[in-house]
Amino acid sequence: MGLELYLDLLSQPCRAVYIFAKKNGIPFELRTVELIKGQHLNKEFLPINSLQRVPTLKDGDFVLSESVAILIYLSFKYQTADHWYPSDLQARVRLHEYLGWHADCIRSIFGVSLWTQVLAPLIGVQVPEEKVKRNRTSVDQALQRLEDKFLRDKAFLTGQQLVALGYDVFEGRPRLAAWHQRVEAFLGADLCQETHGPILNILEQATNNKLAKPPPEVCSYMLLRISRIP
C-alpha cells in the first residue's frame, strides 16, 4: 500500500497537507474522514490513529498525525524544493517561529467563527454575542500582527475560512491582500478551488439546512469545544 492521507477538507490543517501534496506531485490515496459525521470516532479509524484526529498520514506501517509533522515528513521524503522547508538554519527556525505563532494565535482564534456561525447552531447552541465580538477583536489584532511581524515587505510568509464566513480579512490590509493573490497565483486557481470548495460552501449549506446533525458522541465533543470559547 502506498502513501495514504486521511483528511477532511473542512479542516484547515487538512487543507494545508492536501495542497502541499498536490502542488508537489506527491502520489497519495485520499481517505476522506468526515468530522461532522464523527467518522474520526468510528472503530474503523481507531486502529489507524488512536488520537482520533485528522490529518493523519499512513505510509506502510508508519503512521503520523499533526499537520506540521506530516508536512516536514513529506518535504524530506519527497525532497521538495528548498523554499518549502529551507535548509538554511535561520530560515528554517523563522518558519518554525511562524508555525508556533500560527497554532496559538491563528488556529485558536480564526476557527471560532466556524463554530459560532455553523457548528454551534447545528446542534442548537447559541454562542453569547459578547464572545463573538471578543473573538472578532482578537482576529483583527492577529491579522495586524501577521502583516506587521511576519509578512512585512516580503512576497511570501516563511485560510480561506473567515472569507467563507463573510468576513473580509483583507479589507484595509493591502499587503495581506497582495500576499493572498500571490499565494493563489503560485498554487493555481484549480487547486485552490478544489481544496477550499468544501469550506467555501459550508455557510450556504448551513443556511439551507443541508448539514446533517452530528451523532451524539460528536455533539458531546462539540459542546465541550464551544464551552472553551473565551
C-alpha atoms as a PDB file:
ATOM      1  CA  MET A   1       0.000   0.000   0.000  1.00  0.00           C
ATOM      2  CA  GLY A   2       1.322   3.450  -0.909  1.00  0.00           C
ATOM      3  CA  LEU A   3       1.011   6.711   0.951  1.00  0.00           C
ATOM      4  CA  GLU A   4      -2.453   7.369   2.419  1.00  0.00           C
ATOM      5  CA  LEU A   5      -3.713  10.707   3.713  1.00  0.00           C
ATOM      6  CA  TYR A   6      -6.763  10.771   5.973  1.00  0.00           C
ATOM      7  CA  LEU A   7      -8.298  14.224   5.604  1.00  0.00           C
ATOM      8  CA  ASP A   8     -11.410  16.339   5.928  1.00  0.00           C
ATOM      9  CA  LEU A   9     -11.094  19.432   3.748  1.00  0.00           C
ATOM     10  CA  LEU A  10     -13.308  21.394   6.135  1.00  0.00           C
ATOM     11  CA  SER A  11     -10.242  21.356   8.401  1.00  0.00           C
ATOM     12  CA  GLN A  12      -7.554  23.991   7.770  1.00  0.00           C
ATOM     13  CA  PRO A  13      -4.635  21.701   8.754  1.00  0.00           C
ATOM     14  CA  CYS A  14      -6.013  19.040   6.401  1.00  0.00           C
ATOM     15  CA  ARG A  15      -6.217  21.572   3.579  1.00  0.00           C
ATOM     16  CA  ALA A  16      -2.598  22.566   4.173  1.00  0.00           C
ATOM     17  CA  VAL A  17      -1.446  18.938   3.853  1.00  0.00           C
ATOM     18  CA  TYR A  18      -3.623  18.357   0.780  1.00  0.00           C
ATOM     19  CA  ILE A  19      -2.332  21.465  -1.015  1.00  0.00           C
ATOM     20  CA  PHE A  20       1.291  20.602  -0.203  1.00  0.00           C
ATOM     21  CA  ALA A  21       0.975  17.051  -1.516  1.00  0.00           C
ATOM     22  CA  LYS A  22      -0.905  18.038  -4.664  1.00  0.00           C
ATOM     23  CA  LYS A  23       1.317  21.013  -5.511  1.00  0.00           C
ATOM     24  CA  ASN A  24       4.444  18.888  -5.165  1.00  0.00           C
ATOM     25  CA  GLY A  25       3.076  15.998  -7.203  1.00  0.00           C
ATOM     26  CA  ILE A  26       3.278  13.584  -4.269  1.00  0.00           C
ATOM     27  CA  PRO A  27       1.263  10.440  -5.047  1.00  0.00           C
ATOM     28  CA  PHE A  28      -1.235   9.516  -2.338  1.00  0.00           C
ATOM     29  CA  GLU A  29      -4.566   7.843  -1.747  1.00  0.00           C
ATOM     30  CA  LEU A  30      -7.116  10.232  -0.251  1.00  0.00           C
ATOM     31  CA  ARG A  31      -9.093   8.727   2.613  1.00  0.00           C
ATOM     32  CA  THR A  32     -11.869  11.162   3.481  1.00  0.00           C
ATOM     33  CA  VAL A  33     -12.830  11.289   7.166  1.00  0.00           C
ATOM     34  CA  GLU A  34     -15.919  13.467   7.741  1.00  0.00           C
ATOM     35  CA  LEU A  35     -15.557  15.097  11.136  1.00  0.00           C
ATOM     36  CA  ILE A  36     -19.137  16.364  11.397  1.00  0.00           C
ATOM     37  CA  LYS A  37     -20.369  12.800  10.891  1.00  0.00           C
ATOM     38  CA  GLY A  38     -17.996  11.573  13.585  1.00  0.00           C
ATOM     39  CA  GLN A  39     -16.071   9.264  11.263  1.00  0.00           C
ATOM     40  CA  HIS A  40     -12.857  10.005  13.187  1.00  0.00           C
ATOM     41  CA  LEU A  41     -14.501   8.375  16.209  1.00  0.00           C
ATOM     42  CA  ASN A  42     -15.511   5.199  14.365  1.00  0.00           C
ATOM     43  CA  LYS A  43     -13.985   1.895  15.394  1.00  0.00           C
ATOM     44  CA  GLU A  44     -12.630   1.541  11.846  1.00  0.00           C
ATOM     45  CA  PHE A  45     -10.475   4.658  12.259  1.00  0.00           C
ATOM     46  CA  LEU A  46      -9.231   3.905  15.788  1.00  0.00           C
ATOM     47  CA  PRO A  47      -6.541   1.380  14.705  1.00  0.00           C
ATOM     48  CA  ILE A  48      -5.228   3.927  12.199  1.00  0.00           C
ATOM     49  CA  ASN A  49      -4.888   6.798  14.668  1.00  0.00           C
ATOM     50  CA  SER A  50      -5.578   6.219  18.354  1.00  0.00           C
ATOM     51  CA  LEU A  51      -5.676  10.004  18.821  1.00  0.00           C
ATOM     52  CA  GLN A  52      -8.763  10.037  16.559  1.00  0.00           C
ATOM     53  CA  ARG A  53      -7.602  13.157  14.743  1.00  0.00           C
ATOM     54  CA  VAL A  54      -7.015  14.300  11.202  1.00  0.00           C
ATOM     55  CA  PRO A  55      -4.897  14.915   9.274  1.00  0.00           C
ATOM     56  CA  THR A  56      -3.282  11.504   9.532  1.00  0.00           C
ATOM     57  CA  LEU A  57      -0.585  10.092   7.276  1.00  0.00           C
ATOM     58  CA  LYS A  58      -0.125   6.349   6.772  1.00  0.00           C
ATOM     59  CA  ASP A  59       2.968   5.271   4.871  1.00  0.00           C
ATOM     60  CA  GLY A  60       3.049   1.493   5.023  1.00  0.00           C
ATOM     61  CA  ASP A  61       3.266   0.655   8.709  1.00  0.00           C
ATOM     62  CA  PHE A  62       4.303   4.198   9.634  1.00  0.00           C
ATOM     63  CA  VAL A  63       1.506   6.429  10.939  1.00  0.00           C
ATOM     64  CA  LEU A  64       1.868  10.128  11.707  1.00  0.00           C
ATOM     65  CA  SER A  65      -0.565  12.766  12.943  1.00  0.00           C
ATOM     66  CA  GLU A  66      -0.404  16.574  13.313  1.00  0.00           C
ATOM     67  CA  SER A  67      -0.148  18.668  10.179  1.00  0.00           C
ATOM     68  CA  VAL A  68       3.257  20.270  10.804  1.00  0.00           C
ATOM     69  CA  ALA A  69       4.910  16.885  11.418  1.00  0.00           C
ATOM     70  CA  ILE A  70       3.248  15.499   8.289  1.00  0.00           C
ATOM     71  CA  LEU A  71       4.420  18.432   6.159  1.00  0.00           C
ATOM     72  CA  ILE A  72       8.001  18.068   7.397  1.00  0.00           C
ATOM     73  CA  TYR A  73       7.918  14.311   6.752  1.00  0.00           C
ATOM     74  CA  LEU A  74       6.670  14.810   3.208  1.00  0.00           C
ATOM     75  CA  SER A  75       9.210  17.525   2.491  1.00  0.00           C
ATOM     76  CA  PHE A  76      12.085  15.229   3.494  1.00  0.00           C
ATOM     77  CA  LYS A  77      10.813  12.013   1.943  1.00  0.00           C
ATOM     78  CA  TYR A  78       9.980  13.589  -1.397  1.00  0.00           C
ATOM     79  CA  GLN A  79      12.841  16.104  -1.356  1.00  0.00           C
ATOM     80  CA  THR A  80      10.654  19.076  -2.170  1.00  0.00           C
ATOM     81  CA  ALA A  81      12.083  22.430  -3.222  1.00  0.00           C
ATOM     82  CA  ASP A  82      14.066  24.320  -0.595  1.00  0.00           C
ATOM     83  CA  HIS A  83      11.536  27.156  -0.363  1.00  0.00           C
ATOM     84  CA  TRP A  84       9.037  24.773   1.258  1.00  0.00           C
ATOM     85  CA  TYR A  85      11.310  23.765   4.145  1.00  0.00           C
ATOM     86  CA  PRO A  86      14.595  25.700   3.946  1.00  0.00           C
ATOM     87  CA  SER A  87      17.955  24.039   4.567  1.00  0.00           C
ATOM     88  CA  ASP A  88      19.365  27.302   5.959  1.00  0.00           C
ATOM     89  CA  LEU A  89      19.119  27.152   9.756  1.00  0.00           C
ATOM     90  CA  GLN A  90      17.922  30.708  10.335  1.00  0.00           C
ATOM     91  CA  ALA A  91      15.329  30.494   7.571  1.00  0.00           C
ATOM     92  CA  ARG A  92      14.108  27.182   8.986  1.00  0.00           C
ATOM     93  CA  VAL A  93      13.709  28.440  12.542  1.00  0.00           C
ATOM     94  CA  ARG A  94      11.892  31.509  11.203  1.00  0.00           C
ATOM     95  CA  LEU A  95       9.443  29.076   9.644  1.00  0.00           C
ATOM     96  CA  HIS A  96       9.002  27.296  12.965  1.00  0.00           C
ATOM     97  CA  GLU A  97       8.611  30.642  14.716  1.00  0.00           C
ATOM     98  CA  TYR A  98       5.658  31.399  12.463  1.00  0.00           C
ATOM     99  CA  LEU A  99       4.193  27.891  12.778  1.00  0.00           C
ATOM    100  CA  GLY A 100       4.267  28.151  16.571  1.00  0.00           C
ATOM    101  CA  TRP A 101       2.571  31.545  16.472  1.00  0.00           C
ATOM    102  CA  HIS A 102       0.089  30.300  13.879  1.00  0.00           C
ATOM    103  CA  ALA A 103      -1.011  27.409  16.097  1.00  0.00           C
ATOM    104  CA  ASP A 104      -1.531  29.684  19.085  1.00  0.00           C
ATOM    105  CA  CYS A 105      -2.805  32.896  17.513  1.00  0.00           C
ATOM    106  CA  ILE A 106      -4.392  31.928  14.182  1.00  0.00           C
ATOM    107  CA  ARG A 107      -5.797  28.410  14.572  1.00  0.00           C
ATOM    108  CA  SER A 108      -7.118  29.054  18.086  1.00  0.00           C
ATOM    109  CA  ILE A 109      -8.794  32.331  17.109  1.00  0.00           C
ATOM    110  CA  PHE A 110      -9.895  32.113  13.485  1.00  0.00           C
ATOM    111  CA  GLY A 111     -11.725  28.814  13.881  1.00  0.00           C
ATOM    112  CA  VAL A 112     -14.176  30.351  16.342  1.00  0.00           C
ATOM    113  CA  SER A 113     -16.241  31.910  13.532  1.00  0.00           C
ATOM    114  CA  LEU A 114     -16.957  28.475  12.096  1.00  0.00           C
ATOM    115  CA  TRP A 115     -18.086  27.298  15.497  1.00  0.00           C
ATOM    116  CA  THR A 116     -20.286  30.317  16.235  1.00  0.00           C
ATOM    117  CA  GLN A 117     -21.913  30.603  12.792  1.00  0.00           C
ATOM    118  CA  VAL A 118     -22.199  26.983  11.677  1.00  0.00           C
ATOM    119  CA  LEU A 119     -21.343  24.259  14.160  1.00  0.00           C
ATOM    120  CA  ALA A 120     -22.965  25.629  17.330  1.00  0.00           C
ATOM    121  CA  PRO A 121     -26.308  26.359  15.572  1.00  0.00           C
ATOM    122  CA  LEU A 122     -26.128  22.879  14.025  1.00  0.00           C
ATOM    123  CA  ILE A 123     -26.576  21.362  17.489  1.00  0.00           C
ATOM    124  CA  GLY A 124     -28.934  24.062  18.744  1.00  0.00           C
ATOM    125  CA  VAL A 125     -26.437  26.137  20.755  1.00  0.00           C
ATOM    126  CA  GLN A 126     -26.189  29.930  20.702  1.00  0.00           C
ATOM    127  CA  VAL A 127     -22.795  31.432  21.490  1.00  0.00           C
ATOM    128  CA  PRO A 128     -23.129  34.650  23.522  1.00  0.00           C
ATOM    129  CA  GLU A 129     -22.732  37.800  21.440  1.00  0.00           C
ATOM    130  CA  GLU A 130     -20.024  39.183  23.726  1.00  0.00           C
ATOM    131  CA  LYS A 131     -17.876  36.152  22.904  1.00  0.00           C
ATOM    132  CA  VAL A 132     -18.437  36.695  19.184  1.00  0.00           C
ATOM    133  CA  LYS A 133     -17.405  40.361  19.472  1.00  0.00           C
ATOM    134  CA  ARG A 134     -14.392  39.493  21.612  1.00  0.00           C
ATOM    135  CA  ASN A 135     -13.262  36.968  19.026  1.00  0.00           C
ATOM    136  CA  ARG A 136     -13.651  39.495  16.210  1.00  0.00           C
ATOM    137  CA  THR A 137     -11.354  41.886  18.100  1.00  0.00           C
ATOM    138  CA  SER A 138      -8.813  39.079  18.555  1.00  0.00           C
ATOM    139  CA  VAL A 139      -8.981  38.296  14.833  1.00  0.00           C
ATOM    140  CA  ASP A 140      -8.268  41.927  13.919  1.00  0.00           C
ATOM    141  CA  GLN A 141      -5.302  42.034  16.299  1.00  0.00           C
ATOM    142  CA  ALA A 142      -3.894  38.758  14.932  1.00  0.00           C
ATOM    143  CA  LEU A 143      -4.231  39.967  11.331  1.00  0.00           C
ATOM    144  CA  GLN A 144      -2.367  43.147  12.168  1.00  0.00           C
ATOM    145  CA  ARG A 145       0.446  41.178  13.800  1.00  0.00           C
ATOM    146  CA  LEU A 146       0.546  38.813  10.832  1.00  0.00           C
ATOM    147  CA  GLU A 147       1.003  41.735   8.487  1.00  0.00           C
ATOM    148  CA  ASP A 148       3.447  43.731  10.642  1.00  0.00           C
ATOM    149  CA  LYS A 149       5.577  40.977  12.157  1.00  0.00           C
ATOM    150  CA  PHE A 150       5.634  38.096   9.681  1.00  0.00           C
ATOM    151  CA  LEU A 151       4.753  39.462   6.248  1.00  0.00           C
ATOM    152  CA  ARG A 152       6.166  42.997   6.407  1.00  0.00           C
ATOM    153  CA  ASP A 153       7.595  43.781   2.956  1.00  0.00           C
ATOM    154  CA  LYS A 154       8.210  40.162   1.887  1.00  0.00           C
ATOM    155  CA  ALA A 155       6.475  38.465  -1.038  1.00  0.00           C
ATOM    156  CA  PHE A 156       5.571  35.358   0.992  1.00  0.00           C
ATOM    157  CA  LEU A 157       5.392  34.196   4.571  1.00  0.00           C
ATOM    158  CA  THR A 158       8.258  31.818   5.603  1.00  0.00           C
ATOM    159  CA  GLY A 159      -7.042  30.495   5.416  1.00  0.00           C
ATOM    160  CA  GLN A 160      -9.892  30.945   3.459  1.00  0.00           C
ATOM    161  CA  GLN A 161     -12.093  30.099   6.467  1.00  0.00           C
ATOM    162  CA  LEU A 162     -13.091  33.588   7.616  1.00  0.00           C
ATOM    163  CA  VAL A 163     -13.579  34.639   3.996  1.00  0.00           C
ATOM    164  CA  ALA A 164     -16.044  31.766   3.610  1.00  0.00           C
ATOM    165  CA  LEU A 165     -17.992  33.037   6.623  1.00  0.00           C
ATOM    166  CA  GLY A 166     -18.430  36.541   5.267  1.00  0.00           C
ATOM    167  CA  TYR A 167     -15.550  38.362   6.963  1.00  0.00           C
ATOM    168  CA  ASP A 168     -13.282  40.227   4.546  1.00  0.00           C
ATOM    169  CA  VAL A 169      -9.923  39.785   6.266  1.00  0.00           C
ATOM    170  CA  PHE A 170      -8.158  41.740   3.501  1.00  0.00           C
ATOM    171  CA  GLU A 171     -10.185  44.949   3.732  1.00  0.00           C
ATOM    172  CA  GLY A 172      -7.863  47.789   4.688  1.00  0.00           C
ATOM    173  CA  ARG A 173      -4.838  45.461   4.576  1.00  0.00           C
ATOM    174  CA  PRO A 174      -3.283  45.860   1.114  1.00  0.00           C
ATOM    175  CA  ARG A 175      -0.129  43.910   1.973  1.00  0.00           C
ATOM    176  CA  LEU A 176      -2.151  40.890   3.096  1.00  0.00           C
ATOM    177  CA  ALA A 177      -4.406  41.176   0.040  1.00  0.00           C
ATOM    178  CA  ALA A 178      -1.396  41.236  -2.292  1.00  0.00           C
ATOM    179  CA  TRP A 179       0.163  38.281  -0.463  1.00  0.00           C
ATOM    180  CA  HIS A 180      -3.084  36.319  -0.802  1.00  0.00           C
ATOM    181  CA  GLN A 181      -3.145  36.964  -4.545  1.00  0.00           C
ATOM    182  CA  ARG A 182       0.483  35.834  -4.895  1.00  0.00           C
ATOM    183  CA  VAL A 183      -0.208  32.620  -2.998  1.00  0.00           C
ATOM    184  CA  GLU A 184      -3.252  31.801  -5.134  1.00  0.00           C
ATOM    185  CA  ALA A 185      -1.318  32.550  -8.318  1.00  0.00           C
ATOM    186  CA  PHE A 186       1.528  30.280  -7.186  1.00  0.00           C
ATOM    187  CA  LEU A 187      -0.765  27.406  -6.223  1.00  0.00           C
ATOM    188  CA  GLY A 188      -3.098  27.787  -9.184  1.00  0.00           C
ATOM    189  CA  ALA A 189      -6.806  28.593  -9.267  1.00  0.00           C
ATOM    190  CA  ASP A 190      -7.864  24.978  -9.872  1.00  0.00           C
ATOM    191  CA  LEU A 191      -6.045  23.596  -6.824  1.00  0.00           C
ATOM    192  CA  CYS A 192      -7.341  26.437  -4.636  1.00  0.00           C
ATOM    193  CA  GLN A 193     -10.937  25.836  -5.714  1.00  0.00           C
ATOM    194  CA  GLU A 194     -10.594  22.066  -5.343  1.00  0.00           C
ATOM    195  CA  THR A 195      -9.193  22.388  -1.832  1.00  0.00           C
ATOM    196  CA  HIS A 196     -11.262  25.260  -0.471  1.00  0.00           C
ATOM    197  CA  GLY A 197     -14.553  24.327  -2.134  1.00  0.00           C
ATOM    198  CA  PRO A 198     -15.991  22.471   0.903  1.00  0.00           C
ATOM    199  CA  ILE A 199     -15.308  25.296   3.385  1.00  0.00           C
ATOM    200  CA  LEU A 200     -16.454  27.995   0.942  1.00  0.00           C
ATOM    201  CA  ASN A 201     -19.836  26.260   0.631  1.00  0.00           C
ATOM    202  CA  ILE A 202     -20.395  25.446   4.289  1.00  0.00           C
ATOM    203  CA  LEU A 203     -22.244  28.641   5.270  1.00  0.00           C
ATOM    204  CA  GLU A 204     -24.688  28.186   2.380  1.00  0.00           C
ATOM    205  CA  GLN A 205     -25.231  24.561   3.392  1.00  0.00           C
ATOM    206  CA  ALA A 206     -25.870  25.574   6.994  1.00  0.00           C
ATOM    207  CA  THR A 207     -28.282  28.340   5.961  1.00  0.00           C
ATOM    208  CA  ASN A 208     -30.228  25.895   3.785  1.00  0.00           C
ATOM    209  CA  ASN A 209     -30.239  23.186   6.475  1.00  0.00           C
ATOM    210  CA  LYS A 210     -28.215  20.829   4.285  1.00  0.00           C
ATOM    211  CA  LEU A 211     -25.778  19.809   7.011  1.00  0.00           C
ATOM    212  CA  ALA A 212     -26.693  16.619   8.824  1.00  0.00           C
ATOM    213  CA  LYS A 213     -26.858  16.841  12.600  1.00  0.00           C
ATOM    214  CA  PRO A 214     -23.784  15.184  14.147  1.00  0.00           C
ATOM    215  CA  PRO A 215     -24.216  11.934  16.107  1.00  0.00           C
ATOM    216  CA  PRO A 216     -24.420  12.156  19.922  1.00  0.00           C
ATOM    217  CA  GLU A 217     -20.760  11.309  20.514  1.00  0.00           C
ATOM    218  CA  VAL A 218     -19.718  14.202  18.277  1.00  0.00           C
ATOM    219  CA  CYS A 219     -22.205  16.577  19.895  1.00  0.00           C
ATOM    220  CA  SER A 220     -20.591  15.925  23.278  1.00  0.00           C
ATOM    221  CA  TYR A 221     -17.195  16.920  21.921  1.00  0.00           C
ATOM    222  CA  MET A 222     -18.659  19.957  20.166  1.00  0.00           C
ATOM    223  CA  LEU A 223     -20.330  21.187  23.353  1.00  0.00           C
ATOM    224  CA  LEU A 224     -17.017  20.899  25.179  1.00  0.00           C
ATOM    225  CA  ARG A 225     -15.243  22.822  22.420  1.00  0.00           C
ATOM    226  CA  ILE A 226     -17.903  25.555  22.399  1.00  0.00           C
ATOM    227  CA  SER A 227     -17.657  25.935  26.182  1.00  0.00           C
ATOM    228  CA  ARG A 228     -13.957  26.748  25.767  1.00  0.00           C
ATOM    229  CA  ILE A 229     -14.552  29.758  23.517  1.00  0.00           C
ATOM    230  CA  PRO A 230     -13.213  32.705  25.580  1.00  0.00           C
END
